[in-house]
Amino acid sequence: MSKIDYRYGEFKDVSALKKIWIDCFNDTAKGFRTFWKNIQKITRVYVACDGSKPVACVYQIPCTVDGQQCHYLFGAATLNDYRCKGIMKNLIDFSLEDASDRGDKISFLFTANERFEHYYEKLGYAKLCKRKFAAVSRDELMRVAEYGGFCVSMSVNGIYELRNKVLLQNSLKFPIEYIKYSVAATRHYGGYTVCSGAGYAIVKEDKYGECTISELTADEGDLYALLGELLENTNAATFNFNYPTSYKIFENEQILNDGMLKYLSDYKLSEAYIGLRNQ
């Protein structure tokens, strides 16, 4: 291994980025294309190189919180032969220094596995992102759901506009390209989106009759109609709901970590909601 260099990702790196994605996330070329074609115009890419060969990468998805310029750190990955050498730490430091120079106030991330939380804590990230979680049976869901009329699918633009309208100021507001990726990735990995008149749920159902709702967003008057639409669209026996802490839906709901943040300026939040984690 020669000296590792850290730089911005370039168009010539796409093949190497695809290899890192497939190898590190055990995904397919189509999974990478689903990501890349939707976010390439908005994301900032950083790579660590052994000579001319990219061996690690990380992406920053631009977002805002309370009108402040921020980013969501995404897709951090290192090829197996280059792990445990401090490369990712140096790459993240390089990317955050650039983000701070660009004016970003906060860096957000969500770890796909809890065992990585300690690693990111050593990099200065804190578990200040929260969400509510509730596991309910179909019978319990039927007791609170309402049933309305026929609802058509909501477009990506509709989801984008509703999310910006409904979510509180401490919620991450993403560009429409990232919303498009979230919807496409949900479909690609076997999930689907359920919509009501002014609400949507991002859903994945397994073969054992368990349904996970990774994000639930609705106008106040449409929340329970959205739950009714969810019942109409699945035969699941149990439901795992994830939603903003501002919602009060189920008696057994609890507050869980929804990711981590690191301050890059004097601007501070006591709590934040990521929602569209896609990890």
C-alpha atoms as a PDB file:
ATOM      1  CA  MET A   1       0.000   0.000   0.000  1.00  0.00           C
ATOM      2  CA  SER A   2       1.416   3.359  -1.032  1.00  0.00           C
ATOM      3  CA  LYS A   3       0.604   6.694   0.574  1.00  0.00           C
ATOM      4  CA  ILE A   4      -3.161   7.261   0.752  1.00  0.00           C
ATOM      5  CA  ASP A   5      -4.379  10.481  -0.856  1.00  0.00           C
ATOM      6  CA  TYR A   6      -7.712  12.146  -0.102  1.00  0.00           C
ATOM      7  CA  ARG A   7      -9.575  14.139  -2.754  1.00  0.00           C
ATOM      8  CA  TYR A   8     -12.938  14.969  -4.286  1.00  0.00           C
ATOM      9  CA  GLY A   9     -14.593  12.254  -6.303  1.00  0.00           C
ATOM     10  CA  GLU A  10     -14.606  12.733 -10.080  1.00  0.00           C
ATOM     11  CA  PHE A  11     -16.561  11.292 -12.988  1.00  0.00           C
ATOM     12  CA  LYS A  12     -13.661   8.964 -13.788  1.00  0.00           C
ATOM     13  CA  ASP A  13     -14.176   7.305 -10.362  1.00  0.00           C
ATOM     14  CA  VAL A  14     -17.680   5.976 -11.065  1.00  0.00           C
ATOM     15  CA  SER A  15     -16.537   2.429 -11.891  1.00  0.00           C
ATOM     16  CA  ALA A  16     -14.460   2.296  -8.711  1.00  0.00           C
ATOM     17  CA  LEU A  17     -17.332   3.746  -6.671  1.00  0.00           C
ATOM     18  CA  LYS A  18     -19.607   1.026  -8.051  1.00  0.00           C
ATOM     19  CA  LYS A  19     -17.126  -1.680  -7.043  1.00  0.00           C
ATOM     20  CA  ILE A  20     -16.809  -0.283  -3.515  1.00  0.00           C
ATOM     21  CA  TRP A  21     -20.604  -0.112  -3.208  1.00  0.00           C
ATOM     22  CA  ILE A  22     -21.154  -3.685  -4.423  1.00  0.00           C
ATOM     23  CA  ASP A  23     -18.304  -5.188  -2.383  1.00  0.00           C
ATOM     24  CA  CYS A  24     -18.983  -3.343   0.869  1.00  0.00           C
ATOM     25  CA  PHE A  25     -22.791  -3.367   0.896  1.00  0.00           C
ATOM     26  CA  ASN A  26     -23.226  -6.814  -0.708  1.00  0.00           C
ATOM     27  CA  ASP A  27     -25.417  -5.147  -3.318  1.00  0.00           C
ATOM     28  CA  THR A  28     -25.839  -5.370  -7.080  1.00  0.00           C
ATOM     29  CA  ALA A  29     -24.839  -3.106  -9.947  1.00  0.00           C
ATOM     30  CA  LYS A  30     -28.508  -2.160 -10.270  1.00  0.00           C
ATOM     31  CA  GLY A  31     -28.574  -1.119  -6.619  1.00  0.00           C
ATOM     32  CA  PHE A  32     -25.667   1.240  -7.234  1.00  0.00           C
ATOM     33  CA  ARG A  33     -27.242   2.604 -10.429  1.00  0.00           C
ATOM     34  CA  THR A  34     -30.476   3.295  -8.549  1.00  0.00           C
ATOM     35  CA  PHE A  35     -28.469   5.400  -6.131  1.00  0.00           C
ATOM     36  CA  TRP A  36     -26.110   7.084  -8.564  1.00  0.00           C
ATOM     37  CA  LYS A  37     -28.532   8.105 -11.293  1.00  0.00           C
ATOM     38  CA  ASN A  38     -30.765   9.874  -8.783  1.00  0.00           C
ATOM     39  CA  ILE A  39     -28.222  11.681  -6.606  1.00  0.00           C
ATOM     40  CA  GLN A  40     -25.196  12.299  -8.821  1.00  0.00           C
ATOM     41  CA  LYS A  41     -26.235  15.909  -9.546  1.00  0.00           C
ATOM     42  CA  ILE A  42     -26.548  16.886  -5.885  1.00  0.00           C
ATOM     43  CA  THR A  43     -24.135  14.741  -3.888  1.00  0.00           C
ATOM     44  CA  ARG A  44     -20.597  15.620  -2.876  1.00  0.00           C
ATOM     45  CA  VAL A  45     -18.290  12.605  -3.181  1.00  0.00           C
ATOM     46  CA  TYR A  46     -14.968  12.146  -1.372  1.00  0.00           C
ATOM     47  CA  VAL A  47     -12.510   9.344  -2.042  1.00  0.00           C
ATOM     48  CA  ALA A  48      -9.361   7.894  -0.489  1.00  0.00           C
ATOM     49  CA  CYS A  49      -6.921   6.617  -3.091  1.00  0.00           C
ATOM     50  CA  ASP A  50      -4.028   4.177  -3.061  1.00  0.00           C
ATOM     51  CA  GLY A  51      -2.144   5.651  -5.975  1.00  0.00           C
ATOM     52  CA  SER A  52      -4.832   6.232  -8.594  1.00  0.00           C
ATOM     53  CA  LYS A  53      -7.167   3.568  -7.152  1.00  0.00           C
ATOM     54  CA  PRO A  54     -10.108   4.687  -4.972  1.00  0.00           C
ATOM     55  CA  VAL A  55     -10.268   2.341  -1.973  1.00  0.00           C
ATOM     56  CA  ALA A  56     -12.785   4.181   0.217  1.00  0.00           C
ATOM     57  CA  CYS A  57     -15.530   6.723  -0.313  1.00  0.00           C
ATOM     58  CA  VAL A  58     -18.176   8.743   1.473  1.00  0.00           C
ATOM     59  CA  TYR A  59     -21.047  10.855   0.137  1.00  0.00           C
ATOM     60  CA  GLN A  60     -22.596  14.040   1.503  1.00  0.00           C
ATOM     61  CA  ILE A  61     -26.262  14.586   0.636  1.00  0.00           C
ATOM     62  CA  PRO A  62     -27.127  18.280   1.049  1.00  0.00           C
ATOM     63  CA  CYS A  63     -30.065  19.097   3.322  1.00  0.00           C
ATOM     64  CA  THR A  64     -31.371  21.866   5.549  1.00  0.00           C
ATOM     65  CA  VAL A  65     -32.541  21.948   9.159  1.00  0.00           C
ATOM     66  CA  ASP A  66     -34.380  24.992  10.455  1.00  0.00           C
ATOM     67  CA  GLY A  67     -33.259  26.754   7.286  1.00  0.00           C
ATOM     68  CA  GLN A  68     -29.597  26.024   8.044  1.00  0.00           C
ATOM     69  CA  GLN A  69     -27.310  24.484   5.435  1.00  0.00           C
ATOM     70  CA  CYS A  70     -26.293  20.958   6.514  1.00  0.00           C
ATOM     71  CA  HIS A  71     -25.559  17.543   5.030  1.00  0.00           C
ATOM     72  CA  TYR A  72     -26.349  13.876   5.535  1.00  0.00           C
ATOM     73  CA  LEU A  73     -23.236  11.666   5.508  1.00  0.00           C
ATOM     74  CA  PHE A  74     -24.075   8.578   3.491  1.00  0.00           C
ATOM     75  CA  GLY A  75     -22.561   5.413   2.033  1.00  0.00           C
ATOM     76  CA  ALA A  76     -19.256   5.423   3.937  1.00  0.00           C
ATOM     77  CA  ALA A  77     -17.367   2.336   2.724  1.00  0.00           C
ATOM     78  CA  THR A  78     -13.818   0.970   2.591  1.00  0.00           C
ATOM     79  CA  LEU A  79     -12.567  -2.009   0.600  1.00  0.00           C
ATOM     80  CA  ASN A  80     -11.793  -4.956   2.865  1.00  0.00           C
ATOM     81  CA  ASP A  81      -7.991  -4.921   2.392  1.00  0.00           C
ATOM     82  CA  TYR A  82      -7.821  -1.287   3.505  1.00  0.00           C
ATOM     83  CA  ARG A  83      -9.899  -1.445   6.681  1.00  0.00           C
ATOM     84  CA  CYS A  84      -8.659  -0.801  10.234  1.00  0.00           C
ATOM     85  CA  LYS A  85      -5.921   1.533   8.975  1.00  0.00           C
ATOM     86  CA  GLY A  86      -7.517   4.886   9.860  1.00  0.00           C
ATOM     87  CA  ILE A  87      -8.415   5.611   6.241  1.00  0.00           C
ATOM     88  CA  MET A  88     -12.128   6.229   6.808  1.00  0.00           C
ATOM     89  CA  LYS A  89     -11.460   8.504   9.791  1.00  0.00           C
ATOM     90  CA  ASN A  90      -9.095  10.595   7.678  1.00  0.00           C
ATOM     91  CA  LEU A  91     -11.550  10.651   4.771  1.00  0.00           C
ATOM     92  CA  ILE A  92     -14.437  11.795   6.973  1.00  0.00           C
ATOM     93  CA  ASP A  93     -12.222  14.457   8.547  1.00  0.00           C
ATOM     94  CA  PHE A  94     -11.282  15.637   5.051  1.00  0.00           C
ATOM     95  CA  SER A  95     -14.939  15.744   3.975  1.00  0.00           C
ATOM     96  CA  LEU A  96     -16.076  17.592   7.107  1.00  0.00           C
ATOM     97  CA  GLU A  97     -13.366  20.204   6.768  1.00  0.00           C
ATOM     98  CA  ASP A  98     -14.578  20.841   3.231  1.00  0.00           C
ATOM     99  CA  ALA A  99     -18.214  20.931   4.398  1.00  0.00           C
ATOM    100  CA  SER A 100     -17.381  23.473   7.090  1.00  0.00           C
ATOM    101  CA  ASP A 101     -15.578  25.637   4.514  1.00  0.00           C
ATOM    102  CA  ARG A 102     -18.702  25.423   2.318  1.00  0.00           C
ATOM    103  CA  GLY A 103     -20.855  26.702   5.175  1.00  0.00           C
ATOM    104  CA  ASP A 104     -22.496  23.519   6.470  1.00  0.00           C
ATOM    105  CA  LYS A 105     -23.645  23.890  10.081  1.00  0.00           C
ATOM    106  CA  ILE A 106     -24.212  20.235  11.032  1.00  0.00           C
ATOM    107  CA  SER A 107     -23.248  16.796   9.728  1.00  0.00           C
ATOM    108  CA  PHE A 108     -25.853  14.030  10.176  1.00  0.00           C
ATOM    109  CA  LEU A 109     -25.562  10.291   9.728  1.00  0.00           C
ATOM    110  CA  PHE A 110     -27.361   7.044  10.483  1.00  0.00           C
ATOM    111  CA  THR A 111     -25.412   3.882  11.269  1.00  0.00           C
ATOM    112  CA  ALA A 112     -26.757   0.723   9.679  1.00  0.00           C
ATOM    113  CA  ASN A 113     -25.507  -1.188  12.716  1.00  0.00           C
ATOM    114  CA  GLU A 114     -25.412  -0.046  16.352  1.00  0.00           C
ATOM    115  CA  ARG A 115     -21.857  -1.346  16.767  1.00  0.00           C
ATOM    116  CA  PHE A 116     -20.638   1.562  14.608  1.00  0.00           C
ATOM    117  CA  GLU A 117     -22.056   4.174  16.983  1.00  0.00           C
ATOM    118  CA  HIS A 118     -18.992   4.070  19.251  1.00  0.00           C
ATOM    119  CA  TYR A 119     -16.740   4.584  16.209  1.00  0.00           C
ATOM    120  CA  TYR A 120     -18.610   7.736  15.191  1.00  0.00           C
ATOM    121  CA  GLU A 121     -18.725   9.000  18.772  1.00  0.00           C
ATOM    122  CA  LYS A 122     -14.919   9.020  18.678  1.00  0.00           C
ATOM    123  CA  LEU A 123     -15.191  11.197  15.565  1.00  0.00           C
ATOM    124  CA  GLY A 124     -17.309  13.732  17.483  1.00  0.00           C
ATOM    125  CA  TYR A 125     -20.829  12.593  16.554  1.00  0.00           C
ATOM    126  CA  ALA A 126     -23.546  12.495  19.224  1.00  0.00           C
ATOM    127  CA  LYS A 127     -26.804  10.525  19.407  1.00  0.00           C
ATOM    128  CA  LEU A 128     -29.124  13.535  19.263  1.00  0.00           C
ATOM    129  CA  CYS A 129     -31.398  12.373  16.427  1.00  0.00           C
ATOM    130  CA  LYS A 130     -34.625  10.759  17.634  1.00  0.00           C
ATOM    131  CA  ARG A 131     -37.688   9.002  16.285  1.00  0.00           C
ATOM    132  CA  LYS A 132     -40.685   7.227  17.756  1.00  0.00           C
ATOM    133  CA  PHE A 133     -41.127   3.488  17.356  1.00  0.00           C
ATOM    134  CA  ALA A 134     -44.174   1.306  17.974  1.00  0.00           C
ATOM    135  CA  ALA A 135     -44.747  -2.402  17.308  1.00  0.00           C
ATOM    136  CA  VAL A 136     -48.465  -3.158  16.992  1.00  0.00           C
ATOM    137  CA  SER A 137     -50.654  -6.047  15.904  1.00  0.00           C
ATOM    138  CA  ARG A 138     -53.109  -5.815  13.038  1.00  0.00           C
ATOM    139  CA  ASP A 139     -55.998  -5.743  15.514  1.00  0.00           C
ATOM    140  CA  GLU A 140     -54.404  -2.823  17.388  1.00  0.00           C
ATOM    141  CA  LEU A 141     -53.906  -0.935  14.135  1.00  0.00           C
ATOM    142  CA  MET A 142     -57.515  -1.546  13.101  1.00  0.00           C
ATOM    143  CA  ARG A 143     -58.716   0.096  16.327  1.00  0.00           C
ATOM    144  CA  VAL A 144     -57.104   3.448  15.509  1.00  0.00           C
ATOM    145  CA  ALA A 145     -57.225   3.512  11.704  1.00  0.00           C
ATOM    146  CA  GLU A 146     -59.844   5.381   9.711  1.00  0.00           C
ATOM    147  CA  TYR A 147     -61.084   4.530   6.237  1.00  0.00           C
ATOM    148  CA  GLY A 148     -61.682   7.077   3.556  1.00  0.00           C
ATOM    149  CA  GLY A 149     -62.323   7.062  -0.147  1.00  0.00           C
ATOM    150  CA  PHE A 150     -60.165   5.971  -3.042  1.00  0.00           C
ATOM    151  CA  CYS A 151     -56.639   7.431  -2.928  1.00  0.00           C
ATOM    152  CA  VAL A 152     -54.298   7.756  -5.881  1.00  0.00           C
ATOM    153  CA  SER A 153     -50.540   7.378  -5.602  1.00  0.00           C
ATOM    154  CA  MET A 154     -48.621  10.467  -4.548  1.00  0.00           C
ATOM    155  CA  SER A 155     -45.899  11.651  -6.930  1.00  0.00           C
ATOM    156  CA  VAL A 156     -42.320  12.300  -5.879  1.00  0.00           C
ATOM    157  CA  ASN A 157     -43.119  16.006  -6.072  1.00  0.00           C
ATOM    158  CA  GLY A 158     -46.102  15.451  -3.806  1.00  0.00           C
ATOM    159  CA  ILE A 159     -44.000  13.607  -1.218  1.00  0.00           C
ATOM    160  CA  TYR A 160     -41.346  16.319  -1.380  1.00  0.00           C
ATOM    161  CA  GLU A 161     -43.856  19.128  -0.902  1.00  0.00           C
ATOM    162  CA  LEU A 162     -45.774  17.343   1.860  1.00  0.00           C
ATOM    163  CA  ARG A 163     -42.606  16.507   3.759  1.00  0.00           C
ATOM    164  CA  ASN A 164     -41.445  20.116   3.649  1.00  0.00           C
ATOM    165  CA  LYS A 165     -44.875  21.330   4.744  1.00  0.00           C
ATOM    166  CA  VAL A 166     -45.618  18.890   7.560  1.00  0.00           C
ATOM    167  CA  LEU A 167     -42.333  18.102   9.290  1.00  0.00           C
ATOM    168  CA  LEU A 168     -41.097  20.358  12.074  1.00  0.00           C
ATOM    169  CA  GLN A 169     -38.116  22.699  11.825  1.00  0.00           C
ATOM    170  CA  ASN A 170     -35.782  20.189  13.496  1.00  0.00           C
ATOM    171  CA  SER A 171     -36.377  17.681  10.670  1.00  0.00           C
ATOM    172  CA  LEU A 172     -33.955  17.156   7.797  1.00  0.00           C
ATOM    173  CA  LYS A 173     -35.350  18.619   4.582  1.00  0.00           C
ATOM    174  CA  PHE A 174     -33.817  16.904   1.565  1.00  0.00           C
ATOM    175  CA  PRO A 175     -33.576  17.911  -2.120  1.00  0.00           C
ATOM    176  CA  ILE A 176     -36.158  16.353  -4.386  1.00  0.00           C
ATOM    177  CA  GLU A 177     -33.450  14.177  -5.974  1.00  0.00           C
ATOM    178  CA  TYR A 178     -32.921  12.395  -2.664  1.00  0.00           C
ATOM    179  CA  ILE A 179     -36.672  11.920  -2.269  1.00  0.00           C
ATOM    180  CA  LYS A 180     -36.681  10.372  -5.749  1.00  0.00           C
ATOM    181  CA  TYR A 181     -33.885   8.034  -4.726  1.00  0.00           C
ATOM    182  CA  SER A 182     -35.712   7.055  -1.524  1.00  0.00           C
ATOM    183  CA  VAL A 183     -38.836   6.081  -3.464  1.00  0.00           C
ATOM    184  CA  ALA A 184     -36.830   4.235  -6.142  1.00  0.00           C
ATOM    185  CA  ALA A 185     -34.684   2.401  -3.576  1.00  0.00           C
ATOM    186  CA  THR A 186     -37.770   1.351  -1.613  1.00  0.00           C
ATOM    187  CA  ARG A 187     -39.190  -0.215  -4.761  1.00  0.00           C
ATOM    188  CA  HIS A 188     -35.859  -1.750  -5.823  1.00  0.00           C
ATOM    189  CA  TYR A 189     -35.335  -3.482  -2.472  1.00  0.00           C
ATOM    190  CA  GLY A 190     -38.828  -4.944  -2.382  1.00  0.00           C
ATOM    191  CA  GLY A 191     -40.813  -2.241  -0.595  1.00  0.00           C
ATOM    192  CA  TYR A 192     -43.536   0.153  -1.663  1.00  0.00           C
ATOM    193  CA  THR A 193     -45.111   3.493  -0.807  1.00  0.00           C
ATOM    194  CA  VAL A 194     -48.645   3.792   0.558  1.00  0.00           C
ATOM    195  CA  CYS A 195     -50.415   7.147   0.150  1.00  0.00           C
ATOM    196  CA  SER A 196     -53.542   8.809   1.426  1.00  0.00           C
ATOM    197  CA  GLY A 197     -54.920  12.205   0.529  1.00  0.00           C
ATOM    198  CA  ALA A 198     -52.166  14.090   2.388  1.00  0.00           C
ATOM    199  CA  GLY A 199     -49.866  11.443   3.760  1.00  0.00           C
ATOM    200  CA  TYR A 200     -47.474   8.679   2.795  1.00  0.00           C
ATOM    201  CA  ALA A 201     -45.757   5.682   4.378  1.00  0.00           C
ATOM    202  CA  ILE A 202     -42.613   3.937   3.145  1.00  0.00           C
ATOM    203  CA  VAL A 203     -43.188   0.247   3.698  1.00  0.00           C
ATOM    204  CA  LYS A 204     -41.432  -3.106   3.482  1.00  0.00           C
ATOM    205  CA  GLU A 205     -43.146  -6.403   4.254  1.00  0.00           C
ATOM    206  CA  ASP A 206     -41.327  -9.679   4.853  1.00  0.00           C
ATOM    207  CA  LYS A 207     -42.470 -13.233   4.120  1.00  0.00           C
ATOM    208  CA  TYR A 208     -43.324 -13.831   7.774  1.00  0.00           C
ATOM    209  CA  GLY A 209     -46.152 -11.292   7.816  1.00  0.00           C
ATOM    210  CA  GLU A 210     -44.201  -8.488   9.473  1.00  0.00           C
ATOM    211  CA  CYS A 211     -44.453  -5.004   8.001  1.00  0.00           C
ATOM    212  CA  THR A 212     -41.898  -2.253   8.727  1.00  0.00           C
ATOM    213  CA  ILE A 213     -42.804   1.379   8.097  1.00  0.00           C
ATOM    214  CA  SER A 214     -39.506   3.273   7.909  1.00  0.00           C
ATOM    215  CA  GLU A 215     -41.138   6.688   7.543  1.00  0.00           C
ATOM    216  CA  LEU A 216     -44.681   7.883   8.137  1.00  0.00           C
ATOM    217  CA  THR A 217     -45.591  11.479   7.293  1.00  0.00           C
ATOM    218  CA  ALA A 218     -49.035  13.028   7.071  1.00  0.00           C
ATOM    219  CA  ASP A 219     -50.982  16.217   7.519  1.00  0.00           C
ATOM    220  CA  GLU A 220     -52.592  16.264  10.946  1.00  0.00           C
ATOM    221  CA  GLY A 221     -56.086  15.544   9.646  1.00  0.00           C
ATOM    222  CA  ASP A 222     -54.995  12.693   7.403  1.00  0.00           C
ATOM    223  CA  LEU A 223     -52.815  10.588   9.686  1.00  0.00           C
ATOM    224  CA  TYR A 224     -55.410   7.981  10.669  1.00  0.00           C
ATOM    225  CA  ALA A 225     -56.750   7.731   7.119  1.00  0.00           C
ATOM    226  CA  LEU A 226     -53.180   6.888   6.080  1.00  0.00           C
ATOM    227  CA  LEU A 227     -53.202   4.040   8.610  1.00  0.00           C
ATOM    228  CA  GLY A 228     -56.419   2.818   7.017  1.00  0.00           C
ATOM    229  CA  GLU A 229     -54.796   2.853   3.582  1.00  0.00           C
ATOM    230  CA  LEU A 230     -51.914   0.872   5.016  1.00  0.00           C
ATOM    231  CA  LEU A 231     -54.304  -1.819   6.237  1.00  0.00           C
ATOM    232  CA  GLU A 232     -55.967  -1.911   2.837  1.00  0.00           C
ATOM    233  CA  ASN A 233     -52.622  -2.483   1.096  1.00  0.00           C
ATOM    234  CA  THR A 234     -51.159  -5.266   3.214  1.00  0.00           C
ATOM    235  CA  ASN A 235     -52.184  -8.484   4.916  1.00  0.00           C
ATOM    236  CA  ALA A 236     -49.392  -8.230   7.486  1.00  0.00           C
ATOM    237  CA  ALA A 237     -50.060  -9.505  10.996  1.00  0.00           C
ATOM    238  CA  THR A 238     -47.657  -7.162  12.800  1.00  0.00           C
ATOM    239  CA  PHE A 239     -46.432  -3.634  12.075  1.00  0.00           C
ATOM    240  CA  ASN A 240     -43.237  -1.828  13.136  1.00  0.00           C
ATOM    241  CA  PHE A 241     -43.795   1.922  12.869  1.00  0.00           C
ATOM    242  CA  ASN A 242     -41.127   4.631  12.776  1.00  0.00           C
ATOM    243  CA  TYR A 243     -42.249   8.272  12.789  1.00  0.00           C
ATOM    244  CA  PRO A 244     -41.419  11.759  14.139  1.00  0.00           C
ATOM    245  CA  THR A 245     -41.435  12.303  17.895  1.00  0.00           C
ATOM    246  CA  SER A 246     -44.064  15.034  17.468  1.00  0.00           C
ATOM    247  CA  TYR A 247     -46.693  12.400  16.548  1.00  0.00           C
ATOM    248  CA  LYS A 248     -48.755  10.651  19.221  1.00  0.00           C
ATOM    249  CA  ILE A 249     -50.352   7.555  17.661  1.00  0.00           C
ATOM    250  CA  PHE A 250     -49.986   4.423  19.775  1.00  0.00           C
ATOM    251  CA  GLU A 251     -49.985   3.808  23.510  1.00  0.00           C
ATOM    252  CA  ASN A 252     -46.841   1.668  23.452  1.00  0.00           C
ATOM    253  CA  GLU A 253     -44.673   4.012  21.382  1.00  0.00           C
ATOM    254  CA  GLN A 254     -41.124   4.647  22.562  1.00  0.00           C
ATOM    255  CA  ILE A 255     -38.381   7.088  21.585  1.00  0.00           C
ATOM    256  CA  LEU A 256     -35.319   5.603  19.875  1.00  0.00           C
ATOM    257  CA  ASN A 257     -32.157   6.942  18.297  1.00  0.00           C
ATOM    258  CA  ASP A 258     -32.656   8.064  14.707  1.00  0.00           C
ATOM    259  CA  GLY A 259     -29.004   8.708  13.933  1.00  0.00           C
ATOM    260  CA  MET A 260     -26.195  10.993  15.014  1.00  0.00           C
ATOM    261  CA  LEU A 261     -24.996  14.522  14.411  1.00  0.00           C
ATOM    262  CA  LYS A 262     -21.797  16.528  14.657  1.00  0.00           C
ATOM    263  CA  TYR A 263     -21.762  20.300  14.955  1.00  0.00           C
ATOM    264  CA  LEU A 264     -19.582  22.146  12.462  1.00  0.00           C
ATOM    265  CA  SER A 265     -20.455  25.622  13.757  1.00  0.00           C
ATOM    266  CA  ASP A 266     -21.961  27.456  16.718  1.00  0.00           C
ATOM    267  CA  TYR A 267     -25.484  26.537  15.556  1.00  0.00           C
ATOM    268  CA  LYS A 268     -26.961  23.894  17.887  1.00  0.00           C
ATOM    269  CA  LEU A 269     -30.030  21.627  18.010  1.00  0.00           C
ATOM    270  CA  SER A 270     -31.319  19.825  21.079  1.00  0.00           C
ATOM    271  CA  GLU A 271     -32.868  17.090  18.923  1.00  0.00           C
ATOM    272  CA  ALA A 272     -33.299  16.284  15.219  1.00  0.00           C
ATOM    273  CA  TYR A 273     -35.293  13.886  13.010  1.00  0.00           C
ATOM    274  CA  ILE A 274     -33.739  12.297   9.898  1.00  0.00           C
ATOM    275  CA  GLY A 275     -36.563  10.055   8.689  1.00  0.00           C
ATOM    276  CA  LEU A 276     -35.386   9.044   5.207  1.00  0.00           C
ATOM    277  CA  ARG A 277     -32.324   7.120   6.336  1.00  0.00           C
ATOM    278  CA  ASN A 278     -31.942   4.689   3.377  1.00  0.00           C
ATOM    279  CA  GLN A 279     -29.321   2.579   5.171  1.00  0.00           C
END
